Amino acid sequence: MPQMAPLSWINLFIIFIMTFMILNSLNYFSFIYNNKTIKKTSTIKTINWKW
């Protein structure tokens, strides 16, 4: 059936591209970031030198 090949290849290409795009979008938007807002305070440690 070589005469049916172009239509089948185009359909397969469209189906694979659509599934690829759907899976990529689901993977991208389903990722949940951990929102940890931690204030980093700068602490200066002073060393008491005892001579």
PDB file of N, CA and C in Angstrom:
ATOM      1  N   MET A   1       0.819  -1.197   0.000  1.00  0.00           N
ATOM      2  CA  MET A   1       0.000   0.000   0.000  1.00  0.00           C
ATOM      3  C   MET A   1       0.865   1.265   0.000  1.00  0.00           C
ATOM      4  N   PRO A   2       1.737   1.457  -0.926  1.00  0.00           N
ATOM      5  CA  PRO A   2       2.560   2.665  -0.917  1.00  0.00           C
ATOM      6  C   PRO A   2       1.766   3.929  -1.235  1.00  0.00           C
ATOM      7  N   GLN A   3       0.651   3.807  -1.939  1.00  0.00           N
ATOM      8  CA  GLN A   3      -0.113   4.996  -2.289  1.00  0.00           C
ATOM      9  C   GLN A   3      -0.818   5.602  -1.076  1.00  0.00           C
ATOM     10  N   MET A   4      -0.983   4.826  -0.001  1.00  0.00           N
ATOM     11  CA  MET A   4      -1.629   5.350   1.202  1.00  0.00           C
ATOM     12  C   MET A   4      -0.604   5.882   2.212  1.00  0.00           C
ATOM     13  N   ALA A   5       0.663   5.733   1.915  1.00  0.00           N
ATOM     14  CA  ALA A   5       1.702   6.100   2.878  1.00  0.00           C
ATOM     15  C   ALA A   5       1.692   7.583   3.254  1.00  0.00           C
ATOM     16  N   PRO A   6       1.579   8.543   2.333  1.00  0.00           N
ATOM     17  CA  PRO A   6       1.655   9.946   2.759  1.00  0.00           C
ATOM     18  C   PRO A   6       0.576  10.347   3.752  1.00  0.00           C
ATOM     19  N   LEU A   7      -0.640   9.892   3.537  1.00  0.00           N
ATOM     20  CA  LEU A   7      -1.714  10.238   4.465  1.00  0.00           C
ATOM     21  C   LEU A   7      -1.468   9.611   5.837  1.00  0.00           C
ATOM     22  N   SER A   8      -1.019   8.378   5.850  1.00  0.00           N
ATOM     23  CA  SER A   8      -0.752   7.710   7.126  1.00  0.00           C
ATOM     24  C   SER A   8       0.412   8.361   7.849  1.00  0.00           C
ATOM     25  N   TRP A   9       1.469   8.710   7.106  1.00  0.00           N
ATOM     26  CA  TRP A   9       2.624   9.330   7.748  1.00  0.00           C
ATOM     27  C   TRP A   9       2.276  10.696   8.315  1.00  0.00           C
ATOM     28  N   ILE A  10       1.454  11.435   7.615  1.00  0.00           N
ATOM     29  CA  ILE A  10       1.047  12.751   8.123  1.00  0.00           C
ATOM     30  C   ILE A  10       0.184  12.591   9.375  1.00  0.00           C
ATOM     31  N   ASN A  11      -0.714  11.634   9.351  1.00  0.00           N
ATOM     32  CA  ASN A  11      -1.552  11.388  10.533  1.00  0.00           C
ATOM     33  C   ASN A  11      -0.712  10.931  11.720  1.00  0.00           C
ATOM     34  N   LEU A  12       0.227  10.033  11.477  1.00  0.00           N
ATOM     35  CA  LEU A  12       1.098   9.579  12.554  1.00  0.00           C
ATOM     36  C   LEU A  12       1.941  10.723  13.097  1.00  0.00           C
ATOM     37  N   PHE A  13       2.453  11.554  12.202  1.00  0.00           N
ATOM     38  CA  PHE A  13       3.258  12.688  12.622  1.00  0.00           C
ATOM     39  C   PHE A  13       2.440  13.648  13.477  1.00  0.00           C
ATOM     40  N   ILE A  14       1.230  13.935  13.064  1.00  0.00           N
ATOM     41  CA  ILE A  14       0.367  14.844  13.833  1.00  0.00           C
ATOM     42  C   ILE A  14       0.017  14.242  15.187  1.00  0.00           C
ATOM     43  N   ILE A  15      -0.275  12.956  15.220  1.00  0.00           N
ATOM     44  CA  ILE A  15      -0.620  12.315  16.492  1.00  0.00           C
ATOM     45  C   ILE A  15       0.570  12.320  17.438  1.00  0.00           C
ATOM     46  N   PHE A  16       1.762  12.000  16.927  1.00  0.00           N
ATOM     47  CA  PHE A  16       2.943  11.989  17.787  1.00  0.00           C
ATOM     48  C   PHE A  16       3.303  13.384  18.281  1.00  0.00           C
ATOM     49  N   ILE A  17       3.185  14.376  17.419  1.00  0.00           N
ATOM     50  CA  ILE A  17       3.496  15.740  17.840  1.00  0.00           C
ATOM     51  C   ILE A  17       2.493  16.227  18.884  1.00  0.00           C
ATOM     52  N   MET A  18       1.220  15.912  18.680  1.00  0.00           N
ATOM     53  CA  MET A  18       0.214  16.343  19.649  1.00  0.00           C
ATOM     54  C   MET A  18       0.408  15.647  21.002  1.00  0.00           C
ATOM     55  N   THR A  19       0.699  14.356  21.002  1.00  0.00           N
ATOM     56  CA  THR A  19       0.942  13.675  22.275  1.00  0.00           C
ATOM     57  C   THR A  19       2.216  14.203  22.944  1.00  0.00           C
ATOM     58  N   PHE A  20       3.219  14.510  22.140  1.00  0.00           N
ATOM     59  CA  PHE A  20       4.452  15.083  22.685  1.00  0.00           C
ATOM     60  C   PHE A  20       4.181  16.436  23.343  1.00  0.00           C
ATOM     61  N   MET A  21       3.415  17.279  22.671  1.00  0.00           N
ATOM     62  CA  MET A  21       3.110  18.593  23.224  1.00  0.00           C
ATOM     63  C   MET A  21       2.227  18.486  24.467  1.00  0.00           C
ATOM     64  N   ILE A  22       1.276  17.584  24.468  1.00  0.00           N
ATOM     65  CA  ILE A  22       0.398  17.409  25.639  1.00  0.00           C
ATOM     66  C   ILE A  22       1.192  16.894  26.828  1.00  0.00           C
ATOM     67  N   LEU A  23       2.046  15.909  26.600  1.00  0.00           N
ATOM     68  CA  LEU A  23       2.833  15.374  27.700  1.00  0.00           C
ATOM     69  C   LEU A  23       3.827  16.404  28.232  1.00  0.00           C
ATOM     70  N   ASN A  24       4.407  17.188  27.342  1.00  0.00           N
ATOM     71  CA  ASN A  24       5.325  18.232  27.802  1.00  0.00           C
ATOM     72  C   ASN A  24       4.598  19.300  28.606  1.00  0.00           C
ATOM     73  N   SER A  25       3.428  19.702  28.160  1.00  0.00           N
ATOM     74  CA  SER A  25       2.690  20.727  28.906  1.00  0.00           C
ATOM     75  C   SER A  25       2.212  20.176  30.252  1.00  0.00           C
ATOM     76  N   LEU A  26       1.791  18.922  30.290  1.00  0.00           N
ATOM     77  CA  LEU A  26       1.384  18.339  31.572  1.00  0.00           C
ATOM     78  C   LEU A  26       2.571  18.233  32.520  1.00  0.00           C
ATOM     79  N   ASN A  27       3.701  17.862  31.988  1.00  0.00           N
ATOM     80  CA  ASN A  27       4.891  17.755  32.821  1.00  0.00           C
ATOM     81  C   ASN A  27       5.332  19.124  33.324  1.00  0.00           C
ATOM     82  N   TYR A  28       5.238  20.132  32.492  1.00  0.00           N
ATOM     83  CA  TYR A  28       5.671  21.474  32.879  1.00  0.00           C
ATOM     84  C   TYR A  28       4.742  22.093  33.912  1.00  0.00           C
ATOM     85  N   PHE A  29       3.445  21.971  33.720  1.00  0.00           N
ATOM     86  CA  PHE A  29       2.499  22.636  34.606  1.00  0.00           C
ATOM     87  C   PHE A  29       2.152  21.822  35.847  1.00  0.00           C
ATOM     88  N   SER A  30       2.503  20.556  35.888  1.00  0.00           N
ATOM     89  CA  SER A  30       2.180  19.765  37.072  1.00  0.00           C
ATOM     90  C   SER A  30       3.309  19.779  38.091  1.00  0.00           C
ATOM     91  N   PHE A  31       4.416  20.417  37.777  1.00  0.00           N
ATOM     92  CA  PHE A  31       5.526  20.490  38.729  1.00  0.00           C
ATOM     93  C   PHE A  31       5.199  21.530  39.785  1.00  0.00           C
ATOM     94  N   ILE A  32       5.313  21.138  41.050  1.00  0.00           N
ATOM     95  CA  ILE A  32       4.962  22.022  42.158  1.00  0.00           C
ATOM     96  C   ILE A  32       6.251  22.469  42.847  1.00  0.00           C
ATOM     97  N   TYR A  33       6.412  23.762  42.914  1.00  0.00           N
ATOM     98  CA  TYR A  33       7.579  24.313  43.587  1.00  0.00           C
ATOM     99  C   TYR A  33       7.291  24.437  45.077  1.00  0.00           C
ATOM    100  N   ASN A  34       8.305  24.182  45.873  1.00  0.00           N
ATOM    101  CA  ASN A  34       8.182  24.378  47.317  1.00  0.00           C
ATOM    102  C   ASN A  34       8.499  25.836  47.618  1.00  0.00           C
ATOM    103  N   ASN A  35       7.478  26.572  48.055  1.00  0.00           N
ATOM    104  CA  ASN A  35       7.656  27.981  48.352  1.00  0.00           C
ATOM    105  C   ASN A  35       8.087  28.151  49.795  1.00  0.00           C
ATOM    106  N   LYS A  36       9.364  28.140  49.982  1.00  0.00           N
ATOM    107  CA  LYS A  36       9.891  28.336  51.321  1.00  0.00           C
ATOM    108  C   LYS A  36      10.519  29.721  51.362  1.00  0.00           C
ATOM    109  N   THR A  37       9.855  30.606  52.066  1.00  0.00           N
ATOM    110  CA  THR A  37      10.384  31.955  52.192  1.00  0.00           C
ATOM    111  C   THR A  37      11.124  32.042  53.510  1.00  0.00           C
ATOM    112  N   ILE A  38      12.408  31.914  53.424  1.00  0.00           N
ATOM    113  CA  ILE A  38      13.248  31.954  54.617  1.00  0.00           C
ATOM    114  C   ILE A  38      14.074  33.233  54.559  1.00  0.00           C
ATOM    115  N   LYS A  39      13.949  34.024  55.630  1.00  0.00           N
ATOM    116  CA  LYS A  39      14.752  35.233  55.709  1.00  0.00           C
ATOM    117  C   LYS A  39      16.126  34.860  56.225  1.00  0.00           C
ATOM    118  N   LYS A  40      17.109  35.164  55.440  1.00  0.00           N
ATOM    119  CA  LYS A  40      18.472  34.888  55.858  1.00  0.00           C
ATOM    120  C   LYS A  40      19.024  36.128  56.545  1.00  0.00           C
ATOM    121  N   THR A  41      19.164  36.019  57.835  1.00  0.00           N
ATOM    122  CA  THR A  41      19.710  37.139  58.578  1.00  0.00           C
ATOM    123  C   THR A  41      21.215  36.948  58.685  1.00  0.00           C
ATOM    124  N   SER A  42      21.920  37.996  58.448  1.00  0.00           N
ATOM    125  CA  SER A  42      23.375  37.914  58.523  1.00  0.00           C
ATOM    126  C   SER A  42      23.803  38.004  59.977  1.00  0.00           C
ATOM    127  N   THR A  43      24.421  36.962  60.452  1.00  0.00           N
ATOM    128  CA  THR A  43      24.893  36.932  61.825  1.00  0.00           C
ATOM    129  C   THR A  43      26.410  37.034  61.806  1.00  0.00           C
ATOM    130  N   ILE A  44      26.902  37.947  62.610  1.00  0.00           N
ATOM    131  CA  ILE A  44      28.341  38.143  62.709  1.00  0.00           C
ATOM    132  C   ILE A  44      28.795  37.541  64.028  1.00  0.00           C
ATOM    133  N   LYS A  45      29.656  36.561  63.938  1.00  0.00           N
ATOM    134  CA  LYS A  45      30.153  35.915  65.142  1.00  0.00           C
ATOM    135  C   LYS A  45      31.422  36.638  65.580  1.00  0.00           C
ATOM    136  N   THR A  46      31.353  37.130  66.778  1.00  0.00           N
ATOM    137  CA  THR A  46      32.539  37.800  67.314  1.00  0.00           C
ATOM    138  C   THR A  46      33.260  36.849  68.246  1.00  0.00           C
ATOM    139  N   ILE A  47      34.547  36.839  68.094  1.00  0.00           N
ATOM    140  CA  ILE A  47      35.362  35.949  68.928  1.00  0.00           C
ATOM    141  C   ILE A  47      36.051  36.805  69.989  1.00  0.00           C
ATOM    142  N   ASN A  48      35.869  36.454  71.219  1.00  0.00           N
ATOM    143  CA  ASN A  48      36.523  37.182  72.322  1.00  0.00           C
ATOM    144  C   ASN A  48      37.901  36.583  72.538  1.00  0.00           C
ATOM    145  N   TRP A  49      38.902  37.348  72.171  1.00  0.00           N
ATOM    146  CA  TRP A  49      40.278  36.889  72.347  1.00  0.00           C
ATOM    147  C   TRP A  49      40.730  37.216  73.773  1.00  0.00           C
ATOM    148  N   LYS A  50      41.171  36.205  74.453  1.00  0.00           N
ATOM    149  CA  LYS A  50      41.638  36.398  75.817  1.00  0.00           C
ATOM    150  C   LYS A  50      43.145  36.145  75.818  1.00  0.00           C
ATOM    151  N   TRP A  51      43.918  37.213  75.864  1.00  0.00           N
ATOM    152  CA  TRP A  51      45.376  37.108  75.819  1.00  0.00           C
ATOM    153  C   TRP A  51      45.902  36.973  77.218  1.00  0.00           C
TER     154      TRP A  51
END
